[in-house]
Amino acid sequence: MFSQQVLDKHNEYRKKYCSQLLISSKNLNKISQDYADRLVTFVETPPNYIGIRIEKLYYQTLNYKLQGK
């Protein structure tokens, strides 16, 4: 599963720098996916929330699928 591969790779780097490992949260993943699905409805780039909150978004315009590993 892609999300597990991403988490494993991320934790590989966290371990290298003695940082606490992350765990997956089904609830947080669901909230994030729902938000991403909502953002995809915008015609242009996602709205800019600077000054309101900090969020990191990956935005692409091409029909390209991210691959795991």
Protein backbone atom coordinates (compact mmCIF):
# COMPACT_ATOMS: atom_id res chain seq x y z
CA MET A 1 0.00 0.00 0.00
CA PHE A 2 1.34 3.40 -1.02
CA SER A 3 0.64 5.17 2.28
CA GLN A 4 2.51 2.46 4.23
CA GLN A 5 5.48 2.69 1.85
CA VAL A 6 5.60 6.47 2.34
CA LEU A 7 5.41 6.09 6.12
CA ASP A 8 8.13 3.42 6.14
CA LYS A 9 10.49 5.57 4.03
CA HIS A 10 9.80 8.64 6.14
CA ASN A 11 10.50 6.70 9.34
CA GLU A 12 13.70 5.35 7.82
CA TYR A 13 15.03 8.93 7.73
CA ARG A 14 13.62 9.77 11.16
CA LYS A 15 15.42 6.77 12.62
CA LYS A 16 18.67 7.91 10.99
CA TYR A 17 18.41 11.21 12.88
CA CYS A 18 17.13 9.66 16.13
CA SER A 19 13.69 11.24 15.79
CA GLN A 20 10.55 9.61 17.13
CA LEU A 21 8.91 7.39 14.53
CA LEU A 22 5.51 8.28 13.14
CA ILE A 23 2.49 6.00 13.18
CA SER A 24 -0.44 5.95 10.80
CA SER A 25 -3.84 7.25 11.88
CA LYS A 26 -6.90 6.02 9.96
CA ASN A 27 -8.92 8.97 11.27
CA LEU A 28 -6.32 11.56 10.23
CA ASN A 29 -5.88 9.85 6.85
CA LYS A 30 -9.65 10.05 6.28
CA ILE A 31 -9.77 13.74 7.22
CA SER A 32 -6.79 14.46 4.95
CA GLN A 33 -8.28 12.54 2.02
CA ASP A 34 -11.62 14.31 2.39
CA TYR A 35 -9.81 17.66 2.40
CA ALA A 36 -7.74 16.69 -0.66
CA ASP A 37 -10.91 15.61 -2.47
CA ARG A 38 -12.43 19.01 -1.70
CA LEU A 39 -9.33 20.88 -2.91
CA VAL A 40 -9.37 19.03 -6.22
CA THR A 41 -12.65 20.78 -7.07
CA PHE A 42 -10.86 24.14 -7.38
CA VAL A 43 -10.25 25.13 -11.00
CA GLU A 44 -6.97 26.92 -10.29
CA THR A 45 -4.44 26.33 -7.54
CA PRO A 46 -5.77 25.64 -4.04
CA PRO A 47 -6.67 28.71 -1.95
CA ASN A 48 -3.87 30.44 -0.10
CA TYR A 49 -4.28 30.31 3.68
CA ILE A 50 -1.14 32.30 4.60
CA GLY A 51 -1.69 34.03 7.91
CA ILE A 52 -4.55 31.75 8.89
CA ARG A 53 -2.76 28.44 9.27
CA ILE A 54 0.23 26.55 7.98
CA GLU A 55 -0.31 23.63 5.67
CA LYS A 56 1.88 21.80 3.22
CA LEU A 57 0.21 20.80 -0.01
CA TYR A 58 1.49 18.88 -2.99
CA TYR A 59 -0.13 20.27 -6.12
CA GLN A 60 0.32 18.93 -9.63
CA THR A 61 -1.21 19.88 -12.93
CA LEU A 62 -0.23 16.85 -14.99
CA ASN A 63 -1.92 13.48 -14.97
CA TYR A 64 0.90 11.75 -13.08
CA LYS A 65 0.59 9.11 -10.39
CA LEU A 66 3.08 9.09 -7.53
CA GLN A 67 4.72 5.71 -7.08
CA GLY A 68 5.72 4.02 -3.83
CA LYS A 69 9.14 2.72 -2.81
